[in-house]
Amino acid sequence: MSATPPPPPKTSDACNLAALLQSYLPAFQCLYRVGNISVKPGDRVLIADATTNIGNAAVKLALVAGATVHATAHPQFHAKLTGMGCASVHDNRARGVSVGTMDIVLLAGEEGVC
């Protein structure tokens, strides 16, 4: 079951467009371009630090593509990510989190992505 795409912003000024590009373009590149991969329905995707701007965009894009998304985040954001459709959410401060074999792993931390 795939999620519906998020609605477009109500305003489309330059700041909003820049913010969308800054988040969604890197997420898209990682999910569809890096390493000749392309997320597809049924893929298992792990997105680390899923509450960063890029991580959040990656969650939405992967869900729309029909992937099963697993995420890591601070515990205060677990309910939000579960509500978005993540199959499982784990504490991003924990070590040794086991979620099984993944088709794609995206690291969306503060210092970079992919």
PDB file of N, CA and C in Angstrom:
ATOM      1  N   MET A   1       0.845  -1.163   0.000  1.00  0.00           N
ATOM      2  CA  MET A   1       0.000   0.000   0.000  1.00  0.00           C
ATOM      3  C   MET A   1       0.897   1.236   0.000  1.00  0.00           C
ATOM      4  N   SER A   2       0.734   2.115  -0.956  1.00  0.00           N
ATOM      5  CA  SER A   2       1.573   3.300  -1.020  1.00  0.00           C
ATOM      6  C   SER A   2       0.822   4.502  -0.461  1.00  0.00           C
ATOM      7  N   ALA A   3       1.594   5.422   0.059  1.00  0.00           N
ATOM      8  CA  ALA A   3       1.013   6.639   0.620  1.00  0.00           C
ATOM      9  C   ALA A   3       0.708   7.618  -0.498  1.00  0.00           C
ATOM     10  N   THR A   4      -0.152   8.556  -0.205  1.00  0.00           N
ATOM     11  CA  THR A   4      -0.427   9.589  -1.196  1.00  0.00           C
ATOM     12  C   THR A   4       0.629  10.674  -1.067  1.00  0.00           C
ATOM     13  N   PRO A   5       0.992  11.316  -2.178  1.00  0.00           N
ATOM     14  CA  PRO A   5       2.008  12.361  -2.100  1.00  0.00           C
ATOM     15  C   PRO A   5       1.525  13.525  -1.251  1.00  0.00           C
ATOM     16  N   PRO A   6       2.461  14.222  -0.603  1.00  0.00           N
ATOM     17  CA  PRO A   6       2.050  15.368   0.188  1.00  0.00           C
ATOM     18  C   PRO A   6       1.501  16.460  -0.716  1.00  0.00           C
ATOM     19  N   PRO A   7       0.564  17.264  -0.214  1.00  0.00           N
ATOM     20  CA  PRO A   7       0.008  18.332  -1.050  1.00  0.00           C
ATOM     21  C   PRO A   7       1.066  19.396  -1.330  1.00  0.00           C
ATOM     22  N   PRO A   8       0.952  20.098  -2.445  1.00  0.00           N
ATOM     23  CA  PRO A   8       1.909  21.179  -2.709  1.00  0.00           C
ATOM     24  C   PRO A   8       1.709  22.311  -1.717  1.00  0.00           C
ATOM     25  N   PRO A   9       2.741  23.101  -1.501  1.00  0.00           N
ATOM     26  CA  PRO A   9       2.581  24.216  -0.562  1.00  0.00           C
ATOM     27  C   PRO A   9       1.537  25.207  -1.065  1.00  0.00           C
ATOM     28  N   LYS A  10       0.880  25.881  -0.125  1.00  0.00           N
ATOM     29  CA  LYS A  10      -0.163  26.842  -0.490  1.00  0.00           C
ATOM     30  C   LYS A  10       0.426  28.067  -1.190  1.00  0.00           C
ATOM     31  N   THR A  11       1.643  28.423  -0.831  1.00  0.00           N
ATOM     32  CA  THR A  11       2.316  29.521  -1.516  1.00  0.00           C
ATOM     33  C   THR A  11       3.528  28.955  -2.239  1.00  0.00           C
ATOM     34  N   SER A  12       3.912  29.611  -3.297  1.00  0.00           N
ATOM     35  CA  SER A  12       5.063  29.111  -4.047  1.00  0.00           C
ATOM     36  C   SER A  12       6.081  30.221  -4.264  1.00  0.00           C
ATOM     37  N   ASP A  13       6.384  30.951  -3.196  1.00  0.00           N
ATOM     38  CA  ASP A  13       7.397  31.982  -3.329  1.00  0.00           C
ATOM     39  C   ASP A  13       8.782  31.339  -3.390  1.00  0.00           C
ATOM     40  N   ALA A  14       9.766  32.143  -3.672  1.00  0.00           N
ATOM     41  CA  ALA A  14      11.128  31.639  -3.873  1.00  0.00           C
ATOM     42  C   ALA A  14      11.663  30.909  -2.647  1.00  0.00           C
ATOM     43  N   CYS A  15      11.334  31.382  -1.449  1.00  0.00           N
ATOM     44  CA  CYS A  15      11.830  30.724  -0.229  1.00  0.00           C
ATOM     45  C   CYS A  15      11.259  29.318  -0.085  1.00  0.00           C
ATOM     46  N   ASN A  16       9.962  29.168  -0.323  1.00  0.00           N
ATOM     47  CA  ASN A  16       9.349  27.842  -0.229  1.00  0.00           C
ATOM     48  C   ASN A  16       9.916  26.899  -1.278  1.00  0.00           C
ATOM     49  N   LEU A  17      10.084  27.380  -2.484  1.00  0.00           N
ATOM     50  CA  LEU A  17      10.636  26.537  -3.549  1.00  0.00           C
ATOM     51  C   LEU A  17      12.071  26.130  -3.234  1.00  0.00           C
ATOM     52  N   ALA A  18      12.848  27.053  -2.716  1.00  0.00           N
ATOM     53  CA  ALA A  18      14.229  26.735  -2.344  1.00  0.00           C
ATOM     54  C   ALA A  18      14.266  25.689  -1.237  1.00  0.00           C
ATOM     55  N   ALA A  19      13.372  25.826  -0.262  1.00  0.00           N
ATOM     56  CA  ALA A  19      13.325  24.858   0.835  1.00  0.00           C
ATOM     57  C   ALA A  19      12.937  23.474   0.326  1.00  0.00           C
ATOM     58  N   LEU A  20      11.975  23.413  -0.587  1.00  0.00           N
ATOM     59  CA  LEU A  20      11.590  22.124  -1.163  1.00  0.00           C
ATOM     60  C   LEU A  20      12.757  21.492  -1.910  1.00  0.00           C
ATOM     61  N   LEU A  21      13.436  22.291  -2.713  1.00  0.00           N
ATOM     62  CA  LEU A  21      14.581  21.761  -3.460  1.00  0.00           C
ATOM     63  C   LEU A  21      15.685  21.287  -2.532  1.00  0.00           C
ATOM     64  N   GLN A  22      15.928  22.046  -1.471  1.00  0.00           N
ATOM     65  CA  GLN A  22      16.993  21.709  -0.542  1.00  0.00           C
ATOM     66  C   GLN A  22      16.731  20.387   0.183  1.00  0.00           C
ATOM     67  N   SER A  23      15.482  20.025   0.354  1.00  0.00           N
ATOM     68  CA  SER A  23      15.133  18.783   1.043  1.00  0.00           C
ATOM     69  C   SER A  23      14.857  17.640   0.075  1.00  0.00           C
ATOM     70  N   TYR A  24      14.018  17.883  -0.901  1.00  0.00           N
ATOM     71  CA  TYR A  24      13.558  16.800  -1.768  1.00  0.00           C
ATOM     72  C   TYR A  24      14.568  16.393  -2.833  1.00  0.00           C
ATOM     73  N   LEU A  25      15.358  17.326  -3.345  1.00  0.00           N
ATOM     74  CA  LEU A  25      16.315  16.965  -4.391  1.00  0.00           C
ATOM     75  C   LEU A  25      17.373  15.985  -3.886  1.00  0.00           C
ATOM     76  N   PRO A  26      18.025  16.239  -2.747  1.00  0.00           N
ATOM     77  CA  PRO A  26      18.991  15.246  -2.253  1.00  0.00           C
ATOM     78  C   PRO A  26      18.329  13.905  -1.908  1.00  0.00           C
ATOM     79  N   ALA A  27      17.130  13.952  -1.343  1.00  0.00           N
ATOM     80  CA  ALA A  27      16.424  12.714  -1.009  1.00  0.00           C
ATOM     81  C   ALA A  27      16.123  11.921  -2.280  1.00  0.00           C
ATOM     82  N   PHE A  28      15.635  12.612  -3.297  1.00  0.00           N
ATOM     83  CA  PHE A  28      15.338  11.967  -4.577  1.00  0.00           C
ATOM     84  C   PHE A  28      16.611  11.368  -5.184  1.00  0.00           C
ATOM     85  N   GLN A  29      17.687  12.134  -5.172  1.00  0.00           N
ATOM     86  CA  GLN A  29      18.951  11.652  -5.739  1.00  0.00           C
ATOM     87  C   GLN A  29      19.402  10.367  -5.039  1.00  0.00           C
ATOM     88  N   CYS A  30      19.287  10.329  -3.721  1.00  0.00           N
ATOM     89  CA  CYS A  30      19.723   9.142  -2.979  1.00  0.00           C
ATOM     90  C   CYS A  30      18.822   7.935  -3.226  1.00  0.00           C
ATOM     91  N   LEU A  31      17.543   8.172  -3.367  1.00  0.00           N
ATOM     92  CA  LEU A  31      16.614   7.055  -3.553  1.00  0.00           C
ATOM     93  C   LEU A  31      16.543   6.563  -4.999  1.00  0.00           C
ATOM     94  N   TYR A  32      16.932   7.384  -5.948  1.00  0.00           N
ATOM     95  CA  TYR A  32      16.761   7.005  -7.353  1.00  0.00           C
ATOM     96  C   TYR A  32      18.032   7.060  -8.197  1.00  0.00           C
ATOM     97  N   ARG A  33      19.084   7.722  -7.743  1.00  0.00           N
ATOM     98  CA  ARG A  33      20.239   7.930  -8.618  1.00  0.00           C
ATOM     99  C   ARG A  33      21.551   7.360  -8.099  1.00  0.00           C
ATOM    100  N   VAL A  34      21.817   7.494  -6.812  1.00  0.00           N
ATOM    101  CA  VAL A  34      23.109   7.093  -6.263  1.00  0.00           C
ATOM    102  C   VAL A  34      23.278   5.579  -6.366  1.00  0.00           C
ATOM    103  N   GLY A  35      24.398   5.151  -6.890  1.00  0.00           N
ATOM    104  CA  GLY A  35      24.696   3.723  -6.978  1.00  0.00           C
ATOM    105  C   GLY A  35      23.797   2.950  -7.923  1.00  0.00           C
ATOM    106  N   ASN A  36      23.204   3.631  -8.873  1.00  0.00           N
ATOM    107  CA  ASN A  36      22.325   2.989  -9.866  1.00  0.00           C
ATOM    108  C   ASN A  36      21.178   2.218  -9.220  1.00  0.00           C
ATOM    109  N   ILE A  37      20.657   2.747  -8.125  1.00  0.00           N
ATOM    110  CA  ILE A  37      19.494   2.132  -7.488  1.00  0.00           C
ATOM    111  C   ILE A  37      18.263   2.944  -7.816  1.00  0.00           C
ATOM    112  N   SER A  38      17.133   2.356  -7.626  1.00  0.00           N
ATOM    113  CA  SER A  38      15.873   3.061  -7.789  1.00  0.00           C
ATOM    114  C   SER A  38      14.852   2.400  -6.880  1.00  0.00           C
ATOM    115  N   VAL A  39      14.374   3.147  -5.916  1.00  0.00           N
ATOM    116  CA  VAL A  39      13.406   2.583  -4.984  1.00  0.00           C
ATOM    117  C   VAL A  39      12.151   2.181  -5.747  1.00  0.00           C
ATOM    118  N   LYS A  40      11.624   1.025  -5.374  1.00  0.00           N
ATOM    119  CA  LYS A  40      10.436   0.509  -6.065  1.00  0.00           C
ATOM    120  C   LYS A  40       9.501  -0.154  -5.056  1.00  0.00           C
ATOM    121  N   PRO A  41       8.276  -0.421  -5.475  1.00  0.00           N
ATOM    122  CA  PRO A  41       7.318  -1.044  -4.551  1.00  0.00           C
ATOM    123  C   PRO A  41       7.882  -2.338  -3.953  1.00  0.00           C
ATOM    124  N   GLY A  42       7.701  -2.480  -2.662  1.00  0.00           N
ATOM    125  CA  GLY A  42       8.153  -3.678  -1.964  1.00  0.00           C
ATOM    126  C   GLY A  42       9.562  -3.591  -1.415  1.00  0.00           C
ATOM    127  N   ASP A  43      10.351  -2.599  -1.830  1.00  0.00           N
ATOM    128  CA  ASP A  43      11.699  -2.442  -1.282  1.00  0.00           C
ATOM    129  C   ASP A  43      11.623  -2.147   0.202  1.00  0.00           C
ATOM    130  N   ARG A  44      12.629  -2.611   0.926  1.00  0.00           N
ATOM    131  CA  ARG A  44      12.769  -2.302   2.347  1.00  0.00           C
ATOM    132  C   ARG A  44      13.813  -1.197   2.460  1.00  0.00           C
ATOM    133  N   VAL A  45      13.397  -0.041   2.969  1.00  0.00           N
ATOM    134  CA  VAL A  45      14.263   1.133   3.035  1.00  0.00           C
ATOM    135  C   VAL A  45      14.445   1.543   4.486  1.00  0.00           C
ATOM    136  N   LEU A  46      15.711   1.746   4.883  1.00  0.00           N
ATOM    137  CA  LEU A  46      16.021   2.265   6.211  1.00  0.00           C
ATOM    138  C   LEU A  46      16.489   3.704   6.052  1.00  0.00           C
ATOM    139  N   ILE A  47      15.843   4.625   6.747  1.00  0.00           N
ATOM    140  CA  ILE A  47      16.232   6.029   6.704  1.00  0.00           C
ATOM    141  C   ILE A  47      16.666   6.433   8.106  1.00  0.00           C
ATOM    142  N   ALA A  48      17.971   6.663   8.244  1.00  0.00           N
ATOM    143  CA  ALA A  48      18.531   7.062   9.532  1.00  0.00           C
ATOM    144  C   ALA A  48      18.379   8.563   9.700  1.00  0.00           C
ATOM    145  N   ASP A  49      18.029   8.991  10.897  1.00  0.00           N
ATOM    146  CA  ASP A  49      17.750  10.404  11.192  1.00  0.00           C
ATOM    147  C   ASP A  49      16.620  10.911  10.307  1.00  0.00           C
ATOM    148  N   ALA A  50      15.524  10.221  10.347  1.00  0.00           N
ATOM    149  CA  ALA A  50      14.394  10.489   9.453  1.00  0.00           C
ATOM    150  C   ALA A  50      13.655  11.785   9.739  1.00  0.00           C
ATOM    151  N   THR A  51      13.986  12.475  10.814  1.00  0.00           N
ATOM    152  CA  THR A  51      13.288  13.730  11.089  1.00  0.00           C
ATOM    153  C   THR A  51      14.076  14.956  10.639  1.00  0.00           C
ATOM    154  N   THR A  52      15.233  14.769  10.017  1.00  0.00           N
ATOM    155  CA  THR A  52      15.897  15.909   9.396  1.00  0.00           C
ATOM    156  C   THR A  52      15.073  16.295   8.170  1.00  0.00           C
ATOM    157  N   ASN A  53      15.307  17.446   7.602  1.00  0.00           N
ATOM    158  CA  ASN A  53      14.546  17.866   6.417  1.00  0.00           C
ATOM    159  C   ASN A  53      14.680  16.862   5.284  1.00  0.00           C
ATOM    160  N   ILE A  54      15.904  16.431   5.011  1.00  0.00           N
ATOM    161  CA  ILE A  54      16.132  15.469   3.934  1.00  0.00           C
ATOM    162  C   ILE A  54      15.564  14.107   4.306  1.00  0.00           C
ATOM    163  N   GLY A  55      15.725  13.696   5.558  1.00  0.00           N
ATOM    164  CA  GLY A  55      15.187  12.418   5.998  1.00  0.00           C
ATOM    165  C   GLY A  55      13.672  12.366   5.895  1.00  0.00           C
ATOM    166  N   ASN A  56      13.020  13.446   6.280  1.00  0.00           N
ATOM    167  CA  ASN A  56      11.567  13.520   6.193  1.00  0.00           C
ATOM    168  C   ASN A  56      11.110  13.444   4.738  1.00  0.00           C
ATOM    169  N   ALA A  57      11.805  14.154   3.854  1.00  0.00           N
ATOM    170  CA  ALA A  57      11.475  14.096   2.429  1.00  0.00           C
ATOM    171  C   ALA A  57      11.689  12.684   1.892  1.00  0.00           C
ATOM    172  N   ALA A  58      12.763  12.023   2.334  1.00  0.00           N
ATOM    173  CA  ALA A  58      13.047  10.663   1.877  1.00  0.00           C
ATOM    174  C   ALA A  58      11.967   9.690   2.334  1.00  0.00           C
ATOM    175  N   VAL A  59      11.496   9.853   3.566  1.00  0.00           N
ATOM    176  CA  VAL A  59      10.410   9.000   4.063  1.00  0.00           C
ATOM    177  C   VAL A  59       9.198   9.138   3.144  1.00  0.00           C
ATOM    178  N   LYS A  60       8.808  10.379   2.856  1.00  0.00           N
ATOM    179  CA  LYS A  60       7.628  10.618   2.018  1.00  0.00           C
ATOM    180  C   LYS A  60       7.817  10.052   0.610  1.00  0.00           C
ATOM    181  N   LEU A  61       8.983  10.283   0.016  1.00  0.00           N
ATOM    182  CA  LEU A  61       9.227   9.782  -1.341  1.00  0.00           C
ATOM    183  C   LEU A  61       9.238   8.253  -1.378  1.00  0.00           C
ATOM    184  N   ALA A  62       9.856   7.624  -0.395  1.00  0.00           N
ATOM    185  CA  ALA A  62       9.913   6.160  -0.362  1.00  0.00           C
ATOM    186  C   ALA A  62       8.521   5.563  -0.161  1.00  0.00           C
ATOM    187  N   LEU A  63       7.719   6.172   0.702  1.00  0.00           N
ATOM    188  CA  LEU A  63       6.356   5.682   0.919  1.00  0.00           C
ATOM    189  C   LEU A  63       5.513   5.821  -0.347  1.00  0.00           C
ATOM    190  N   VAL A  64       5.644   6.950  -1.021  1.00  0.00           N
ATOM    191  CA  VAL A  64       4.897   7.156  -2.263  1.00  0.00           C
ATOM    192  C   VAL A  64       5.309   6.127  -3.314  1.00  0.00           C
ATOM    193  N   ALA A  65       6.584   5.724  -3.291  1.00  0.00           N
ATOM    194  CA  ALA A  65       7.075   4.724  -4.242  1.00  0.00           C
ATOM    195  C   ALA A  65       6.589   3.315  -3.906  1.00  0.00           C
ATOM    196  N   GLY A  66       6.003   3.142  -2.725  1.00  0.00           N
ATOM    197  CA  GLY A  66       5.494   1.830  -2.342  1.00  0.00           C
ATOM    198  C   GLY A  66       6.466   0.996  -1.530  1.00  0.00           C
ATOM    199  N   ALA A  67       7.525   1.627  -1.034  1.00  0.00           N
ATOM    200  CA  ALA A  67       8.514   0.905  -0.232  1.00  0.00           C
ATOM    201  C   ALA A  67       8.022   0.738   1.201  1.00  0.00           C
ATOM    202  N   THR A  68       8.578  -0.251   1.890  1.00  0.00           N
ATOM    203  CA  THR A  68       8.361  -0.425   3.317  1.00  0.00           C
ATOM    204  C   THR A  68       9.478   0.342   4.013  1.00  0.00           C
ATOM    205  N   VAL A  69       9.116   1.366   4.761  1.00  0.00           N
ATOM    206  CA  VAL A  69      10.108   2.270   5.342  1.00  0.00           C
ATOM    207  C   VAL A  69      10.303   1.981   6.820  1.00  0.00           C
ATOM    208  N   HIS A  70      11.566   1.840   7.192  1.00  0.00           N
ATOM    209  CA  HIS A  70      11.983   1.718   8.586  1.00  0.00           C
ATOM    210  C   HIS A  70      12.823   2.958   8.866  1.00  0.00           C
ATOM    211  N   ALA A  71      12.735   3.500  10.064  1.00  0.00           N
ATOM    212  CA  ALA A  71      13.401   4.764  10.341  1.00  0.00           C
ATOM    213  C   ALA A  71      14.066   4.759  11.702  1.00  0.00           C
ATOM    214  N   THR A  72      15.044   5.663  11.856  1.00  0.00           N
ATOM    215  CA  THR A  72      15.586   5.951  13.175  1.00  0.00           C
ATOM    216  C   THR A  72      15.350   7.427  13.450  1.00  0.00           C
ATOM    217  N   ALA A  73      15.065   7.755  14.711  1.00  0.00           N
ATOM    218  CA  ALA A  73      14.809   9.129  15.114  1.00  0.00           C
ATOM    219  C   ALA A  73      14.819   9.205  16.633  1.00  0.00           C
ATOM    220  N   HIS A  74      14.855  10.410  17.136  1.00  0.00           N
ATOM    221  CA  HIS A  74      14.733  10.631  18.576  1.00  0.00           C
ATOM    222  C   HIS A  74      13.346  10.124  18.997  1.00  0.00           C
ATOM    223  N   PRO A  75      13.245   9.510  20.167  1.00  0.00           N
ATOM    224  CA  PRO A  75      11.961   8.946  20.601  1.00  0.00           C
ATOM    225  C   PRO A  75      10.773   9.911  20.555  1.00  0.00           C
ATOM    226  N   GLN A  76      10.997  11.207  20.736  1.00  0.00           N
ATOM    227  CA  GLN A  76       9.855  12.134  20.718  1.00  0.00           C
ATOM    228  C   GLN A  76       9.204  12.221  19.343  1.00  0.00           C
ATOM    229  N   PHE A  77       9.877  11.737  18.288  1.00  0.00           N
ATOM    230  CA  PHE A  77       9.325  11.787  16.934  1.00  0.00           C
ATOM    231  C   PHE A  77       8.798  10.442  16.438  1.00  0.00           C
ATOM    232  N   HIS A  78       8.868   9.410  17.265  1.00  0.00           N
ATOM    233  CA  HIS A  78       8.456   8.076  16.817  1.00  0.00           C
ATOM    234  C   HIS A  78       6.988   8.040  16.398  1.00  0.00           C
ATOM    235  N   ALA A  79       6.120   8.649  17.169  1.00  0.00           N
ATOM    236  CA  ALA A  79       4.686   8.625  16.839  1.00  0.00           C
ATOM    237  C   ALA A  79       4.427   9.326  15.510  1.00  0.00           C
ATOM    238  N   LYS A  80       5.105  10.434  15.267  1.00  0.00           N
ATOM    239  CA  LYS A  80       4.934  11.161  14.007  1.00  0.00           C
ATOM    240  C   LYS A  80       5.320  10.278  12.819  1.00  0.00           C
ATOM    241  N   LEU A  81       6.476   9.619  12.914  1.00  0.00           N
ATOM    242  CA  LEU A  81       6.949   8.782  11.811  1.00  0.00           C
ATOM    243  C   LEU A  81       6.058   7.555  11.621  1.00  0.00           C
ATOM    244  N   THR A  82       5.591   6.983  12.708  1.00  0.00           N
ATOM    245  CA  THR A  82       4.666   5.858  12.603  1.00  0.00           C
ATOM    246  C   THR A  82       3.374   6.321  11.934  1.00  0.00           C
ATOM    247  N   GLY A  83       2.904   7.498  12.309  1.00  0.00           N
ATOM    248  CA  GLY A  83       1.702   8.057  11.707  1.00  0.00           C
ATOM    249  C   GLY A  83       1.865   8.358  10.224  1.00  0.00           C
ATOM    250  N   MET A  84       3.086   8.652   9.809  1.00  0.00           N
ATOM    251  CA  MET A  84       3.354   8.903   8.391  1.00  0.00           C
ATOM    252  C   MET A  84       3.309   7.610   7.581  1.00  0.00           C
ATOM    253  N   GLY A  85       3.500   6.460   8.265  1.00  0.00           N
ATOM    254  CA  GLY A  85       3.451   5.186   7.561  1.00  0.00           C
ATOM    255  C   GLY A  85       4.688   4.329   7.678  1.00  0.00           C
ATOM    256  N   CYS A  86       5.636   4.725   8.520  1.00  0.00           N
ATOM    257  CA  CYS A  86       6.844   3.906   8.707  1.00  0.00           C
ATOM    258  C   CYS A  86       6.469   2.581   9.377  1.00  0.00           C
ATOM    259  N   ALA A  87       7.041   1.492   8.871  1.00  0.00           N
ATOM    260  CA  ALA A  87       6.749   0.165   9.411  1.00  0.00           C
ATOM    261  C   ALA A  87       7.332  -0.011  10.807  1.00  0.00           C
ATOM    262  N   SER A  88       8.497   0.591  11.052  1.00  0.00           N
ATOM    263  CA  SER A  88       9.100   0.555  12.380  1.00  0.00           C
ATOM    264  C   SER A  88       9.954   1.800  12.547  1.00  0.00           C
ATOM    265  N   VAL A  89      10.059   2.248  13.794  1.00  0.00           N
ATOM    266  CA  VAL A  89      10.876   3.416  14.117  1.00  0.00           C
ATOM    267  C   VAL A  89      11.713   3.062  15.335  1.00  0.00           C
ATOM    268  N   HIS A  90      13.009   3.367  15.265  1.00  0.00           N
ATOM    269  CA  HIS A  90      13.941   2.991  16.317  1.00  0.00           C
ATOM    270  C   HIS A  90      14.676   4.231  16.836  1.00  0.00           C
ATOM    271  N   ASP A  91      15.138   4.151  18.069  1.00  0.00           N
ATOM    272  CA  ASP A  91      15.868   5.246  18.695  1.00  0.00           C
ATOM    273  C   ASP A  91      17.180   5.461  17.954  1.00  0.00           C
ATOM    274  N   ASN A  92      17.404   6.667  17.464  1.00  0.00           N
ATOM    275  CA  ASN A  92      18.623   6.924  16.701  1.00  0.00           C
ATOM    276  C   ASN A  92      19.859   7.012  17.587  1.00  0.00           C
ATOM    277  N   ARG A  93      19.686   6.983  18.884  1.00  0.00           N
ATOM    278  CA  ARG A  93      20.833   7.006  19.793  1.00  0.00           C
ATOM    279  C   ARG A  93      21.264   5.605  20.194  1.00  0.00           C
ATOM    280  N   ALA A  94      20.453   4.607  19.889  1.00  0.00           N
ATOM    281  CA  ALA A  94      20.749   3.226  20.286  1.00  0.00           C
ATOM    282  C   ALA A  94      21.784   2.619  19.342  1.00  0.00           C
ATOM    283  N   ARG A  95      22.550   1.730  19.865  1.00  0.00           N
ATOM    284  CA  ARG A  95      23.530   1.007  19.045  1.00  0.00           C
ATOM    285  C   ARG A  95      23.021  -0.406  18.824  1.00  0.00           C
ATOM    286  N   GLY A  96      23.348  -0.953  17.672  1.00  0.00           N
ATOM    287  CA  GLY A  96      22.998  -2.335  17.399  1.00  0.00           C
ATOM    288  C   GLY A  96      21.534  -2.566  17.096  1.00  0.00           C
ATOM    289  N   VAL A  97      20.858  -1.568  16.524  1.00  0.00           N
ATOM    290  CA  VAL A  97      19.459  -1.746  16.143  1.00  0.00           C
ATOM    291  C   VAL A  97      19.398  -2.746  14.995  1.00  0.00           C
ATOM    292  N   SER A  98      18.553  -3.747  15.111  1.00  0.00           N
ATOM    293  CA  SER A  98      18.439  -4.766  14.072  1.00  0.00           C
ATOM    294  C   SER A  98      17.076  -4.657  13.392  1.00  0.00           C
ATOM    295  N   VAL A  99      17.107  -4.395  12.102  1.00  0.00           N
ATOM    296  CA  VAL A  99      15.858  -4.311  11.338  1.00  0.00           C
ATOM    297  C   VAL A  99      15.862  -5.285  10.169  1.00  0.00           C
ATOM    298  N   GLY A 100      16.858  -6.145  10.107  1.00  0.00           N
ATOM    299  CA  GLY A 100      16.915  -7.129   9.032  1.00  0.00           C
ATOM    300  C   GLY A 100      17.597  -6.577   7.789  1.00  0.00           C
ATOM    301  N   THR A 101      17.453  -7.296   6.709  1.00  0.00           N
ATOM    302  CA  THR A 101      18.089  -6.919   5.455  1.00  0.00           C
ATOM    303  C   THR A 101      17.310  -5.797   4.777  1.00  0.00           C
ATOM    304  N   MET A 102      18.033  -4.783   4.342  1.00  0.00           N
ATOM    305  CA  MET A 102      17.425  -3.632   3.668  1.00  0.00           C
ATOM    306  C   MET A 102      17.880  -3.589   2.210  1.00  0.00           C
ATOM    307  N   ASP A 103      17.007  -3.112   1.346  1.00  0.00           N
ATOM    308  CA  ASP A 103      17.386  -2.895  -0.057  1.00  0.00           C
ATOM    309  C   ASP A 103      18.124  -1.573  -0.221  1.00  0.00           C
ATOM    310  N   ILE A 104      17.724  -0.569   0.566  1.00  0.00           N
ATOM    311  CA  ILE A 104      18.332   0.758   0.503  1.00  0.00           C
ATOM    312  C   ILE A 104      18.501   1.281   1.930  1.00  0.00           C
ATOM    313  N   VAL A 105      19.661   1.869   2.198  1.00  0.00           N
ATOM    314  CA  VAL A 105      19.899   2.533   3.482  1.00  0.00           C
ATOM    315  C   VAL A 105      20.290   3.968   3.164  1.00  0.00           C
ATOM    316  N   LEU A 106      19.576   4.913   3.744  1.00  0.00           N
ATOM    317  CA  LEU A 106      19.836   6.327   3.516  1.00  0.00           C
ATOM    318  C   LEU A 106      20.176   6.969   4.840  1.00  0.00           C
ATOM    319  N   LEU A 107      21.360   7.573   4.916  1.00  0.00           N
ATOM    320  CA  LEU A 107      21.799   8.261   6.127  1.00  0.00           C
ATOM    321  C   LEU A 107      21.532   9.741   5.943  1.00  0.00           C
ATOM    322  N   ALA A 108      20.567  10.266   6.646  1.00  0.00           N
ATOM    323  CA  ALA A 108      20.134  11.655   6.448  1.00  0.00           C
ATOM    324  C   ALA A 108      20.536  12.546   7.611  1.00  0.00           C
ATOM    325  N   GLY A 109      21.725  12.366   8.141  1.00  0.00           N
ATOM    326  CA  GLY A 109      22.167  13.127   9.301  1.00  0.00           C
ATOM    327  C   GLY A 109      22.489  14.566   8.969  1.00  0.00           C
ATOM    328  N   GLU A 110      22.875  15.289   9.987  1.00  0.00           N
ATOM    329  CA  GLU A 110      23.153  16.710   9.860  1.00  0.00           C
ATOM    330  C   GLU A 110      24.317  17.012   8.917  1.00  0.00           C
ATOM    331  N   GLU A 111      25.303  16.123   8.849  1.00  0.00           N
ATOM    332  CA  GLU A 111      26.493  16.410   8.057  1.00  0.00           C
ATOM    333  C   GLU A 111      26.421  15.951   6.608  1.00  0.00           C
ATOM    334  N   GLY A 112      25.362  15.369   6.190  1.00  0.00           N
ATOM    335  CA  GLY A 112      25.297  14.921   4.811  1.00  0.00           C
ATOM    336  C   GLY A 112      24.204  13.894   4.620  1.00  0.00           C
ATOM    337  N   VAL A 113      24.216  13.300   3.472  1.00  0.00           N
ATOM    338  CA  VAL A 113      23.167  12.366   3.128  1.00  0.00           C
ATOM    339  C   VAL A 113      23.732  11.279   2.227  1.00  0.00           C
ATOM    340  N   CYS A 114      23.092  10.158   2.229  1.00  0.00           N
ATOM    341  CA  CYS A 114      23.412   8.956   1.446  1.00  0.00           C
ATOM    342  C   CYS A 114      24.481   8.161   2.132  1.00  0.00           C
TER     343      CYS A 114
END
